[in-house]
C-alpha atoms as a PDB file:
ATOM      1  CA  MET A   1     140.324   9.491  69.630  1.00  0.00           C
ATOM      2  CA  ALA A   2     136.563  10.193  69.418  1.00  0.00           C
ATOM      3  CA  ALA A   3     136.172  10.438  72.751  1.00  0.00           C
ATOM      4  CA  ARG A   4     138.899  12.589  73.265  1.00  0.00           C
ATOM      5  CA  LYS A   5     138.236  15.056  70.570  1.00  0.00           C
ATOM      6  CA  LEU A   6     134.494  15.048  72.678  1.00  0.00           C
ATOM      7  CA  LEU A   7     135.752  15.565  75.667  1.00  0.00           C
ATOM      8  CA  GLU A   8     137.800  18.779  74.126  1.00  0.00           C
ATOM      9  CA  ARG A   9     135.180  20.378  72.620  1.00  0.00           C
ATOM     10  CA  LEU A  10     133.195  20.033  75.766  1.00  0.00           C
ATOM     11  CA  LEU A  11     135.641  21.722  77.864  1.00  0.00           C
ATOM     12  CA  LEU A  12     136.211  24.662  75.235  1.00  0.00           C
ATOM     13  CA  LEU A  13     131.726  25.129  75.224  1.00  0.00           C
ATOM     14  CA  VAL A  14     132.521  25.240  79.487  1.00  0.00           C
ATOM     15  CA  MET A  15     134.821  28.095  79.084  1.00  0.00           C
ATOM     16  CA  ALA A  16     132.903  29.853  76.858  1.00  0.00           C
ATOM     17  CA  ALA A  17     129.945  29.034  78.797  1.00  0.00           C
ATOM     18  CA  ALA A  18     131.748  30.472  82.051  1.00  0.00           C
ATOM     19  CA  ALA A  19     133.365  33.924  79.851  1.00  0.00           C
ATOM     20  CA  ALA A  20     130.358  34.441  79.159  1.00  0.00           C
ATOM     21  CA  LEU A  21     128.055  35.027  82.749  1.00  0.00           C
ATOM     22  CA  GLY A  22     131.214  36.578  84.226  1.00  0.00           C
ATOM     23  CA  ALA A  23     130.975  39.433  81.381  1.00  0.00           C
ATOM     24  CA  GLY A  24     126.976  40.178  82.217  1.00  0.00           C
ATOM     25  CA  SER A  25     128.083  39.878  85.864  1.00  0.00           C
ATOM     26  CA  GLU A  26     130.991  43.125  85.741  1.00  0.00           C
ATOM     27  CA  SER A  27     129.242  46.521  86.154  1.00  0.00           C
ATOM     28  CA  PRO A  28     129.532  48.919  83.055  1.00  0.00           C
ATOM     29  CA  SER A  29     132.771  50.731  82.218  1.00  0.00           C
ATOM     30  CA  THR A  30     132.586  54.448  82.748  1.00  0.00           C
ATOM     31  CA  GLY A  31     135.700  55.878  83.134  1.00  0.00           C
ATOM     32  CA  ALA A  32     135.052  56.780  86.660  1.00  0.00           C
ATOM     33  CA  PRO A  33     135.272  55.724  90.078  1.00  0.00           C
ATOM     34  CA  ASP A  34     132.699  53.814  91.924  1.00  0.00           C
ATOM     35  CA  GLY A  35     130.030  56.035  93.954  1.00  0.00           C
ATOM     36  CA  LEU A  36     130.934  58.852  91.282  1.00  0.00           C
ATOM     37  CA  LEU A  37     128.795  57.487  88.061  1.00  0.00           C
ATOM     38  CA  GLN A  38     127.082  60.018  86.350  1.00  0.00           C
ATOM     39  CA  SER A  39     124.046  59.378  85.197  1.00  0.00           C
ATOM     40  CA  ARG A  40     123.067  59.583  80.936  1.00  0.00           C
ATOM     41  CA  GLY A  41     122.582  62.822  79.756  1.00  0.00           C
ATOM     42  CA  THR A  42     124.037  64.986  82.333  1.00  0.00           C
ATOM     43  CA  SER A  43     127.234  66.756  83.084  1.00  0.00           C
ATOM     44  CA  MET A  44     129.586  67.580  85.704  1.00  0.00           C
ATOM     45  CA  PRO A  45     130.008  71.394  85.429  1.00  0.00           C
ATOM     46  CA  ALA A  46     133.606  72.828  85.403  1.00  0.00           C
ATOM     47  CA  ALA A  47     135.622  73.940  87.894  1.00  0.00           C
ATOM     48  CA  GLY A  48     135.448  77.694  86.314  1.00  0.00           C
ATOM     49  CA  GLY A  49     131.241  77.370  85.943  1.00  0.00           C
ATOM     50  CA  LEU A  50     131.296  76.958  89.664  1.00  0.00           C
ATOM     51  CA  ASP A  51     132.310  79.994  90.729  1.00  0.00           C
ATOM     52  CA  SER A  52     130.751  81.399  87.622  1.00  0.00           C
ATOM     53  CA  THR A  53     126.956  80.240  88.739  1.00  0.00           C
ATOM     54  CA  ARG A  54     127.489  82.106  92.350  1.00  0.00           C
ATOM     55  CA  ALA A  55     125.604  84.689  93.148  1.00  0.00           C
ATOM     56  CA  GLN A  56     127.665  88.094  93.588  1.00  0.00           C
ATOM     57  CA  PRO A  57     127.318  90.579  96.326  1.00  0.00           C
ATOM     58  CA  GLU A  58     126.136  93.671  95.833  1.00  0.00           C
ATOM     59  CA  VAL A  59     127.767  97.025  96.267  1.00  0.00           C
ATOM     60  CA  ALA A  60     126.193  99.681  97.255  1.00  0.00           C
ATOM     61  CA  PRO A  61     126.850 102.848  95.155  1.00  0.00           C
ATOM     62  CA  THR A  62     128.637 105.643  96.940  1.00  0.00           C
ATOM     63  CA  THR A  63     126.811 108.830  97.579  1.00  0.00           C
ATOM     64  CA  MET A  64     128.793 112.225  97.319  1.00  0.00           C
ATOM     65  CA  PRO A  65     127.831 114.849  99.858  1.00  0.00           C
ATOM     66  CA  PRO A  66     125.888 117.331  98.664  1.00  0.00           C
ATOM     67  CA  TYR A  67     128.665 120.337 100.011  1.00  0.00           C
ATOM     68  CA  LEU A  68     131.654 119.065  97.711  1.00  0.00           C
ATOM     69  CA  ALA A  69     130.123 120.481  94.858  1.00  0.00           C
ATOM     70  CA  ARG A  70     130.872 123.964  96.208  1.00  0.00           C
ATOM     71  CA  CYS A  71     134.280 123.129  97.818  1.00  0.00           C
ATOM     72  CA  PRO A  72     137.086 123.797  95.232  1.00  0.00           C
ATOM     73  CA  SER A  73     140.286 120.918  95.611  1.00  0.00           C
ATOM     74  CA  ALA A  74     143.283 121.210  96.843  1.00  0.00           C
ATOM     75  CA  GLY A  75     142.873 124.867  97.048  1.00  0.00           C
ATOM     76  CA  PRO A  76     144.073 127.715 100.391  1.00  0.00           C
ATOM     77  CA  CYS A  77     141.969 126.138 103.407  1.00  0.00           C
ATOM     78  CA  ASN A  78     141.416 129.723 105.004  1.00  0.00           C
ATOM     79  CA  ARG A  79     139.488 130.654 101.120  1.00  0.00           C
ATOM     80  CA  LEU A  80     137.038 127.557 101.780  1.00  0.00           C
ATOM     81  CA  PRO A  81     133.478 128.469 102.169  1.00  0.00           C
ATOM     82  CA  PRO A  82     131.721 128.357 105.579  1.00  0.00           C
ATOM     83  CA  ASP A  83     129.369 124.986 104.021  1.00  0.00           C
ATOM     84  CA  CYS A  84     133.155 122.919 103.759  1.00  0.00           C
ATOM     85  CA  VAL A  85     134.223 123.290 107.329  1.00  0.00           C
ATOM     86  CA  ASP A  86     133.109 123.031 110.371  1.00  0.00           C
ATOM     87  CA  CYS A  87     134.674 126.053 113.010  1.00  0.00           C
ATOM     88  CA  SER A  88     134.407 126.099 116.811  1.00  0.00           C
ATOM     89  CA  LEU A  89     132.636 130.229 116.038  1.00  0.00           C
ATOM     90  CA  HIS A  90     131.196 131.877 119.175  1.00  0.00           C
ATOM     91  CA  SER A  91     129.993 135.476 119.918  1.00  0.00           C
ATOM     92  CA  ASN A  92     132.620 135.924 123.066  1.00  0.00           C
ATOM     93  CA  CYS A  93     134.316 138.927 120.958  1.00  0.00           C
ATOM     94  CA  VAL A  94     134.478 142.418 120.688  1.00  0.00           C
ATOM     95  CA  TYR A  95     132.473 143.392 117.671  1.00  0.00           C
ATOM     96  CA  GLY A  96     133.647 145.166 114.528  1.00  0.00           C
ATOM     97  CA  LYS A  97     137.245 143.689 115.689  1.00  0.00           C
ATOM     98  CA  GLU A  98     139.131 141.189 114.006  1.00  0.00           C
ATOM     99  CA  VAL A  99     138.807 137.798 115.641  1.00  0.00           C
ATOM    100  CA  SER A 100     140.224 133.719 114.846  1.00  0.00           C
ATOM    101  CA  PHE A 101     138.629 130.385 114.608  1.00  0.00           C
ATOM    102  CA  ASN A 102     140.092 126.762 114.845  1.00  0.00           C
ATOM    103  CA  CYS A 103     138.393 124.845 112.111  1.00  0.00           C
ATOM    104  CA  SER A 104     138.537 121.932 110.373  1.00  0.00           C
ATOM    105  CA  VAL A 105     137.434 120.720 106.823  1.00  0.00           C
ATOM    106  CA  LYS A 106     135.286 118.165 106.475  1.00  0.00           C
ATOM    107  CA  PRO A 107     135.392 114.692 105.458  1.00  0.00           C
ATOM    108  CA  GLY A 108     135.768 114.775 101.622  1.00  0.00           C
ATOM    109  CA  VAL A 109     137.710 117.863 101.695  1.00  0.00           C
ATOM    110  CA  GLN A 110     141.090 119.119 100.736  1.00  0.00           C
ATOM    111  CA  CYS A 111     143.404 122.107 101.095  1.00  0.00           C
ATOM    112  CA  THR A 112     146.569 122.405 102.022  1.00  0.00           C
ATOM    113  CA  ASP A 113     148.208 125.481 103.597  1.00  0.00           C
ATOM    114  CA  GLU A 114     150.989 128.661 102.232  1.00  0.00           C
ATOM    115  CA  ASN A 115     153.146 125.686 101.528  1.00  0.00           C
ATOM    116  CA  LYS A 116     151.167 123.678  99.560  1.00  0.00           C
ATOM    117  CA  ILE A 117     150.898 121.067 102.312  1.00  0.00           C
ATOM    118  CA  ASP A 118     147.734 119.223 103.154  1.00  0.00           C
ATOM    119  CA  GLN A 119     145.708 120.226 106.269  1.00  0.00           C
ATOM    120  CA  LYS A 120     143.036 119.123 108.136  1.00  0.00           C
ATOM    121  CA  THR A 121     142.572 121.663 110.801  1.00  0.00           C
ATOM    122  CA  PHE A 122     143.523 125.651 110.136  1.00  0.00           C
ATOM    123  CA  TRP A 123     142.278 128.915 111.552  1.00  0.00           C
ATOM    124  CA  ILE A 124     140.323 131.445 109.966  1.00  0.00           C
ATOM    125  CA  SER A 125     140.039 135.506 110.615  1.00  0.00           C
ATOM    126  CA  MET A 126     137.599 137.173 110.682  1.00  0.00           C
ATOM    127  CA  VAL A 127     135.335 140.279 111.534  1.00  0.00           C
ATOM    128  CA  CYS A 128     133.146 139.624 114.827  1.00  0.00           C
ATOM    129  CA  GLN A 129     129.677 140.318 113.486  1.00  0.00           C
ATOM    130  CA  PHE A 130     126.614 138.601 113.347  1.00  0.00           C
ATOM    131  CA  CYS A 131     124.761 137.626 109.782  1.00  0.00           C
ATOM    132  CA  TRP A 132     122.268 140.397 109.602  1.00  0.00           C
ATOM    133  CA  GLN A 133     124.536 142.867 110.343  1.00  0.00           C
ATOM    134  CA  LEU A 134     126.690 142.807 107.680  1.00  0.00           C
ATOM    135  CA  PRO A 135     127.102 145.131 104.611  1.00  0.00           C
ATOM    136  CA  PRO A 136     123.876 144.617 101.759  1.00  0.00           C
ATOM    137  CA  THR A 137     127.092 143.859  99.246  1.00  0.00           C
ATOM    138  CA  LEU A 138     127.975 140.689 101.052  1.00  0.00           C
ATOM    139  CA  TYR A 139     124.124 139.073 101.244  1.00  0.00           C
ATOM    140  CA  GLN A 140     121.279 138.471  98.948  1.00  0.00           C
ATOM    141  CA  CYS A 141     117.647 139.447  99.570  1.00  0.00           C
ATOM    142  CA  LYS A 142     114.406 138.556  97.816  1.00  0.00           C
ATOM    143  CA  GLU A 143     112.901 141.285  95.833  1.00  0.00           C
ATOM    144  CA  SER A 144     109.302 142.065  96.230  1.00  0.00           C
ATOM    145  CA  THR A 145     106.733 143.765  93.317  1.00  0.00           C
ATOM    146  CA  LYS A 146     103.854 143.734  96.077  1.00  0.00           C
ATOM    147  CA  CYS A 147     104.561 146.910  97.413  1.00  0.00           C
ATOM    148  CA  LYS A 148     104.298 150.546  96.581  1.00  0.00           C
ATOM    149  CA  THR A 149     107.685 152.629  95.943  1.00  0.00           C
ATOM    150  CA  VAL A 150     106.191 155.844  95.333  1.00  0.00           C
ATOM    151  CA  ARG A 151     104.335 156.791  98.523  1.00  0.00           C
ATOM    152  CA  CYS A 152     104.679 159.090 101.824  1.00  0.00           C
ATOM    153  CA  PRO A 153     106.038 157.815 104.098  1.00  0.00           C
ATOM    154  CA  ARG A 154     107.962 155.361 101.930  1.00  0.00           C
ATOM    155  CA  GLU A 155     106.717 152.052 101.841  1.00  0.00           C
ATOM    156  CA  TYR A 156     109.242 148.980 103.223  1.00  0.00           C
ATOM    157  CA  PHE A 157     108.708 144.704 103.444  1.00  0.00           C
ATOM    158  CA  ILE A 158     109.982 141.924 105.331  1.00  0.00           C
ATOM    159  CA  SER A 159     112.657 140.160 102.934  1.00  0.00           C
ATOM    160  CA  ASN A 160     114.572 136.275 103.315  1.00  0.00           C
ATOM    161  CA  CYS A 161     118.508 137.012 102.949  1.00  0.00           C
ATOM    162  CA  THR A 162     120.453 134.729 102.335  1.00  0.00           C
ATOM    163  CA  THR A 163     124.947 135.675 103.326  1.00  0.00           C
ATOM    164  CA  LEU A 164     127.298 134.759  99.927  1.00  0.00           C
ATOM    165  CA  GLU A 165     128.807 131.606  99.792  1.00  0.00           C
ATOM    166  CA  HIS A 166     132.426 133.050 100.394  1.00  0.00           C
ATOM    167  CA  VAL A 167     132.052 135.405 103.720  1.00  0.00           C
ATOM    168  CA  HIS A 168     131.887 134.053 107.306  1.00  0.00           C
ATOM    169  CA  CYS A 169     130.220 135.226 109.825  1.00  0.00           C
ATOM    170  CA  LEU A 170     127.842 134.839 113.411  1.00  0.00           C
ATOM    171  CA  GLY A 171     124.355 133.486 113.684  1.00  0.00           C
ATOM    172  CA  ASN A 172     122.193 132.143 110.939  1.00  0.00           C
ATOM    173  CA  ARG A 173     123.139 132.601 107.197  1.00  0.00           C
ATOM    174  CA  THR A 174     119.569 132.992 106.179  1.00  0.00           C
ATOM    175  CA  PHE A 175     117.750 135.436 107.885  1.00  0.00           C
ATOM    176  CA  GLN A 176     115.109 138.545 107.943  1.00  0.00           C
ATOM    177  CA  LYS A 177     115.147 142.214 107.026  1.00  0.00           C
ATOM    178  CA  LYS A 178     112.926 145.146 106.681  1.00  0.00           C
ATOM    179  CA  MET A 179     113.873 146.312 103.478  1.00  0.00           C
ATOM    180  CA  TYR A 180     112.088 149.680 101.766  1.00  0.00           C
ATOM    181  CA  CYS A 181     110.217 149.069  98.522  1.00  0.00           C
ATOM    182  CA  ASN A 182     112.888 149.260  95.386  1.00  0.00           C
ATOM    183  CA  TRP A 183     111.985 147.771  92.278  1.00  0.00           C
ATOM    184  CA  THR A 184     111.270 148.791  88.530  1.00  0.00           C
ATOM    185  CA  GLY A 185     108.977 147.936  86.043  1.00  0.00           C
ATOM    186  CA  GLY A 186     110.579 149.375  83.326  1.00  0.00           C
ATOM    187  CA  TYR A 187     109.007 152.583  83.144  1.00  0.00           C
ATOM    188  CA  LYS A 188     111.570 155.708  81.956  1.00  0.00           C
ATOM    189  CA  TRP A 189     111.224 159.154  83.410  1.00  0.00           C
ATOM    190  CA  SER A 190     112.798 160.397  80.730  1.00  0.00           C
ATOM    191  CA  THR A 191     109.827 159.192  78.062  1.00  0.00           C
ATOM    192  CA  ALA A 192     107.024 159.956  80.712  1.00  0.00           C
ATOM    193  CA  LEU A 193     108.434 163.575  80.756  1.00  0.00           C
ATOM    194  CA  ALA A 194     108.605 164.332  77.570  1.00  0.00           C
ATOM    195  CA  LEU A 195     104.826 163.154  76.836  1.00  0.00           C
ATOM    196  CA  SER A 196     102.972 165.289  79.463  1.00  0.00           C
ATOM    197  CA  ILE A 197     104.796 168.125  77.583  1.00  0.00           C
ATOM    198  CA  THR A 198     103.845 167.460  74.469  1.00  0.00           C
ATOM    199  CA  LEU A 199     100.388 165.304  73.899  1.00  0.00           C
ATOM    200  CA  GLY A 200      99.814 166.160  77.787  1.00  0.00           C
ATOM    201  CA  GLY A 201      96.546 167.382  76.612  1.00  0.00           C
ATOM    202  CA  PHE A 202      95.244 164.192  75.101  1.00  0.00           C
ATOM    203  CA  GLY A 203      96.725 162.147  78.804  1.00  0.00           C
ATOM    204  CA  ALA A 204      99.336 160.446  76.697  1.00  0.00           C
ATOM    205  CA  ASP A 205     101.705 160.427  79.766  1.00  0.00           C
ATOM    206  CA  ARG A 206      99.252 158.759  82.191  1.00  0.00           C
ATOM    207  CA  PHE A 207      98.007 156.222  79.538  1.00  0.00           C
ATOM    208  CA  TYR A 208     102.043 155.707  79.363  1.00  0.00           C
ATOM    209  CA  LEU A 209     102.051 155.321  83.103  1.00  0.00           C
ATOM    210  CA  GLY A 210      99.069 152.839  83.593  1.00  0.00           C
ATOM    211  CA  GLN A 211      97.066 155.200  84.853  1.00  0.00           C
ATOM    212  CA  TRP A 212      94.367 155.009  82.000  1.00  0.00           C
ATOM    213  CA  LYS A 213      91.403 156.672  83.978  1.00  0.00           C
ATOM    214  CA  GLU A 214      93.070 159.632  84.548  1.00  0.00           C
ATOM    215  CA  GLY A 215      94.146 159.449  81.024  1.00  0.00           C
ATOM    216  CA  LEU A 216      90.520 159.243  79.597  1.00  0.00           C
ATOM    217  CA  GLY A 217      89.917 162.161  81.583  1.00  0.00           C
ATOM    218  CA  LYS A 218      92.965 164.592  80.400  1.00  0.00           C
ATOM    219  CA  LEU A 219      91.299 163.033  76.986  1.00  0.00           C
ATOM    220  CA  PHE A 220      87.821 164.328  77.114  1.00  0.00           C
ATOM    221  CA  SER A 221      88.913 167.338  79.099  1.00  0.00           C
ATOM    222  CA  PHE A 222      91.178 168.666  76.504  1.00  0.00           C
ATOM    223  CA  GLY A 223      93.969 168.580  79.229  1.00  0.00           C
ATOM    224  CA  GLY A 224      91.755 170.384  81.516  1.00  0.00           C
ATOM    225  CA  LEU A 225      91.503 173.314  79.425  1.00  0.00           C
ATOM    226  CA  GLY A 226      95.671 173.470  80.193  1.00  0.00           C
ATOM    227  CA  ILE A 227      95.555 173.573  83.685  1.00  0.00           C
ATOM    228  CA  TRP A 228      95.908 169.857  84.248  1.00  0.00           C
ATOM    229  CA  THR A 229      98.215 169.262  81.871  1.00  0.00           C
ATOM    230  CA  LEU A 230     100.521 171.947  83.154  1.00  0.00           C
ATOM    231  CA  ILE A 231      99.706 170.272  86.832  1.00  0.00           C
ATOM    232  CA  ASP A 232     101.220 166.895  85.518  1.00  0.00           C
ATOM    233  CA  VAL A 233     104.637 168.375  83.680  1.00  0.00           C
ATOM    234  CA  LEU A 234     105.306 169.661  87.314  1.00  0.00           C
ATOM    235  CA  LEU A 235     104.428 166.633  89.067  1.00  0.00           C
ATOM    236  CA  ILE A 236     106.132 164.323  86.548  1.00  0.00           C
ATOM    237  CA  GLY A 237     109.088 166.755  86.545  1.00  0.00           C
ATOM    238  CA  ILE A 238     109.871 166.318  90.681  1.00  0.00           C
ATOM    239  CA  GLY A 239     109.230 162.439  90.804  1.00  0.00           C
ATOM    240  CA  TYR A 240     106.065 162.673  92.481  1.00  0.00           C
ATOM    241  CA  VAL A 241     103.628 161.154  90.021  1.00  0.00           C
ATOM    242  CA  GLY A 242     104.434 157.308  88.851  1.00  0.00           C
ATOM    243  CA  PRO A 243     104.021 154.410  87.496  1.00  0.00           C
ATOM    244  CA  ALA A 244     100.257 152.809  88.409  1.00  0.00           C
ATOM    245  CA  ASP A 245     102.042 149.414  89.288  1.00  0.00           C
ATOM    246  CA  GLY A 246     103.927 151.044  92.324  1.00  0.00           C
ATOM    247  CA  SER A 247     107.517 150.702  90.699  1.00  0.00           C
ATOM    248  CA  LEU A 248     110.201 153.136  90.592  1.00  0.00           C
ATOM    249  CA  TYR A 249     111.565 154.794  86.896  1.00  0.00           C
ATOM    250  CA  ILE A 250     114.716 153.326  85.223  1.00  0.00           C
END
């Protein structure tokens, strides 16, 4: 009996030792398949995190053509300014006669016909003439303040002119034109004449017009003993004597 108990204890010790050796040789359980073991302290990104970390492609900003700011939207095609359309203009027409040209709208421009139907091509009617042949009311020119308006012969200057936006014409819309000097500095003819009649003997009219040298001459000569005063009244009355800066009366 004693020998039997001893054998049973030895068998239990051997089984315990075998179990301990088997547990030490197994790999630690991580809950993940072999080959996908994660290192400690690291974590796999979620599926949504992969998409969020990708670089988004840059979208180039869309630039609006500068002419669109001057083009009315959904209006009549024949009322569009010249900057909004491309027309097949030519000079094979009779000057001063009405002529029609085929036009198409530029990209981004919308217009309609008389029935409110969108159009891309249409016809416009205009008078056959170049832009520099237009009446003065259909173009604007830059005024010059560096010329004399009161001069014989009358002085002129070369001005840069631009056709109004809504006007259709042939040729360049910007051109040069010979203009007579015609500007004012704010001097009133009635004020100058009144000063010449009342205080002309003291040179007040000449001082008002900016002619201080002549004003001093009249002041110290008492109006040329009255003769210079009478002459100035006549010259200012007919507009022969004007402001010293060469401008016109208002």
